[in-house]
Protein backbone atom coordinates (compact mmCIF):
# COMPACT_ATOMS: atom_id res chain seq x y z
CA UNK A 1 12.69 14.65 -3.84
CA UNK A 2 10.61 12.32 -1.67
CA UNK A 3 11.06 8.65 -2.62
CA UNK A 4 8.18 6.26 -1.91
CA UNK A 5 7.86 2.54 -2.38
CA UNK A 6 4.33 1.54 -3.36
CA UNK A 7 3.83 -2.14 -2.62
CA UNK A 8 0.78 -4.11 -3.70
CA UNK A 9 0.11 -7.45 -2.04
CA UNK A 10 -1.39 -10.69 -3.24
CA UNK A 11 -4.19 -10.92 -5.86
CA UNK A 12 -3.97 -7.26 -6.77
CA UNK A 13 -2.65 -8.38 -10.14
CA UNK A 14 -6.23 -9.53 -10.70
CA UNK A 15 -7.71 -6.04 -10.42
CA UNK A 16 -10.35 -5.33 -13.04
CA UNK A 17 -11.45 -8.98 -13.14
CA UNK A 18 -11.71 -9.89 -9.41
CA UNK A 19 -14.79 -8.77 -7.56
CA UNK A 20 -15.14 -5.26 -9.16
CA UNK A 21 -17.92 -4.41 -6.63
CA UNK A 22 -15.29 -4.29 -3.91
CA UNK A 23 -12.10 -3.53 -5.86
CA UNK A 24 -13.26 -1.48 -8.82
CA UNK A 25 -12.97 -2.08 -12.53
CA UNK A 26 -9.48 -0.64 -13.10
CA UNK A 27 -6.61 -3.04 -13.82
CA UNK A 28 -3.44 -2.92 -11.76
CA UNK A 29 -1.59 -1.38 -14.72
CA UNK A 30 -4.27 1.41 -14.87
CA UNK A 31 -4.02 1.96 -11.10
CA UNK A 32 -0.19 2.13 -11.36
CA UNK A 33 -0.40 4.71 -14.16
CA UNK A 34 -2.71 6.85 -11.99
CA UNK A 35 -0.33 6.55 -9.03
CA UNK A 36 2.65 7.45 -11.20
CA UNK A 37 0.88 10.43 -12.73
CA UNK A 38 -0.17 11.71 -9.27
CA UNK A 39 3.36 11.19 -7.93
CA UNK A 40 4.86 13.14 -10.82
CA UNK A 41 2.50 16.08 -10.09
CA UNK A 42 3.49 15.93 -6.41
CA UNK A 43 7.17 15.67 -7.31
CA UNK A 44 7.46 12.33 -5.60
CA UNK A 45 9.57 9.47 -7.02
CA UNK A 46 7.67 6.19 -6.76
CA UNK A 47 8.75 2.65 -7.37
CA UNK A 48 5.80 0.30 -7.67
CA UNK A 49 5.79 -3.47 -7.16
CA UNK A 50 3.28 -6.23 -6.70
CA UNK A 51 3.86 -9.58 -4.99
CA UNK A 52 1.76 -12.64 -4.44
CA UNK A 53 4.11 -14.25 -1.97
CA UNK A 54 4.62 -13.16 1.60
CA UNK A 55 8.39 -13.43 1.43
CA UNK A 56 8.49 -11.28 -1.68
CA UNK A 57 6.54 -8.50 0.12
CA UNK A 58 9.02 -8.72 3.05
CA UNK A 59 11.92 -8.47 0.59
CA UNK A 60 10.28 -5.44 -1.15
CA UNK A 61 10.06 -3.74 2.29
CA UNK A 62 13.72 -4.58 3.02
CA UNK A 63 14.72 -3.14 -0.38
CA UNK A 64 12.71 0.00 0.23
CA UNK A 65 14.60 0.63 3.48
CA UNK A 66 17.75 1.03 1.36
CA UNK A 67 16.43 3.81 -0.96
CA UNK A 68 12.96 5.12 0.03
CA UNK A 69 11.88 7.72 2.53
CA UNK A 70 8.49 6.05 3.06
CA UNK A 71 6.18 3.22 2.04
CA UNK A 72 2.53 3.06 0.82
CA UNK A 73 1.46 -0.54 1.20
CA UNK A 74 -1.66 -2.52 0.35
CA UNK A 75 -0.85 -5.80 2.11
CA UNK A 76 -4.12 -7.27 0.95
CA UNK A 77 -4.75 -10.62 2.66
CA UNK A 78 -1.42 -10.37 4.53
CA UNK A 79 -2.96 -7.49 6.46
CA UNK A 80 -4.92 -9.90 8.60
CA UNK A 81 -2.30 -12.51 9.51
CA UNK A 82 1.27 -11.69 8.44
CA UNK A 83 3.50 -11.04 11.39
CA UNK A 84 6.38 -11.14 8.90
CA UNK A 85 5.08 -8.17 6.90
CA UNK A 86 4.30 -6.27 10.09
CA UNK A 87 7.78 -6.94 11.46
CA UNK A 88 9.45 -5.96 8.20
CA UNK A 89 7.58 -2.63 8.16
CA UNK A 90 8.60 -2.01 11.74
CA UNK A 91 12.23 -2.95 11.12
CA UNK A 92 12.43 -0.74 8.03
CA UNK A 93 12.19 2.36 10.17
CA UNK A 94 10.23 4.03 7.38
CA UNK A 95 6.87 5.79 7.85
CA UNK A 96 4.22 3.73 6.16
CA UNK A 97 0.57 4.16 5.20
CA UNK A 98 -1.61 1.06 4.91
CA UNK A 99 -4.07 1.30 1.95
CA UNK A 100 -7.01 -0.84 0.97
CA UNK A 101 -9.26 -0.36 -2.06
CA UNK A 102 -12.38 -1.48 -0.22
CA UNK A 103 -13.59 -0.49 3.24
CA UNK A 104 -12.27 -3.52 5.14
CA UNK A 105 -14.30 -2.50 8.22
CA UNK A 106 -17.58 -2.84 6.32
CA UNK A 107 -16.75 -6.34 5.07
CA UNK A 108 -16.39 -9.78 6.65
CA UNK A 109 -15.43 -9.80 10.33
CA UNK A 110 -11.98 -11.40 9.63
CA UNK A 111 -11.00 -8.36 7.52
CA UNK A 112 -11.57 -5.92 10.40
CA UNK A 113 -8.28 -6.78 12.10
CA UNK A 114 -4.99 -5.49 10.78
CA UNK A 115 -1.69 -6.72 12.19
CA UNK A 116 0.03 -4.10 10.02
CA UNK A 117 -1.66 -0.84 11.00
CA UNK A 118 -0.05 -0.58 14.52
CA UNK A 119 3.36 -0.06 12.82
CA UNK A 120 2.00 2.36 10.22
CA UNK A 121 1.31 6.10 10.48
CA UNK A 122 -2.27 5.35 9.45
CA UNK A 123 -4.74 3.39 7.35
CA UNK A 124 -6.77 4.53 4.36
CA UNK A 125 -9.54 2.26 3.11
CA UNK A 126 -12.66 2.46 1.04
CA UNK A 127 -11.65 5.06 -1.55
CA UNK A 128 -10.59 2.68 -4.34
CA UNK A 129 -7.38 3.59 -6.19
CA UNK A 130 -7.55 7.10 -4.73
CA UNK A 131 -6.40 5.61 -1.43
CA UNK A 132 -2.93 5.42 -2.86
CA UNK A 133 -3.06 9.09 -3.77
CA UNK A 134 -4.30 9.94 -0.24
CA UNK A 135 -1.42 7.85 1.14
CA UNK A 136 1.13 9.84 -0.92
CA UNK A 137 -0.42 13.13 0.19
CA UNK A 138 -0.38 12.03 3.86
CA UNK A 139 3.32 10.98 3.62
CA UNK A 140 4.23 14.24 1.83
CA UNK A 141 2.60 16.22 4.72
CA UNK A 142 4.15 14.09 7.42
CA UNK A 143 7.64 14.30 6.01
CA UNK A 144 7.58 17.96 5.04
CA UNK A 145 6.06 19.14 8.29
């Protein structure tokens, strides 16, 4: 069975209340339930975590390297400036998919640059919570083929 770490970055614990125009009206718990249900249907084991501190995201990536086959990560604000998260993903040796709820390329200029995506298999943005599902499907395809 494919094992995937799903890692949510900072401020995603505020989903449902924070800027629903960009991030949707679902809470993080609701998003996690949808991810878990989709993973069960796909026969993927997921372990989901959320962290507001950069070091905690790095530690979650390190932990994933010990048990997971792949990572789906929404680094949130760390996308744009965290060399530490980028380096942790690279060092993990795991295929990763970067996910964003909003289309970061249609927003403020500073959101257009990702330090993380060069060490990921790809980036999915602009599809709300479904981006996580698309990330799982992409990893399933990459690892089975």
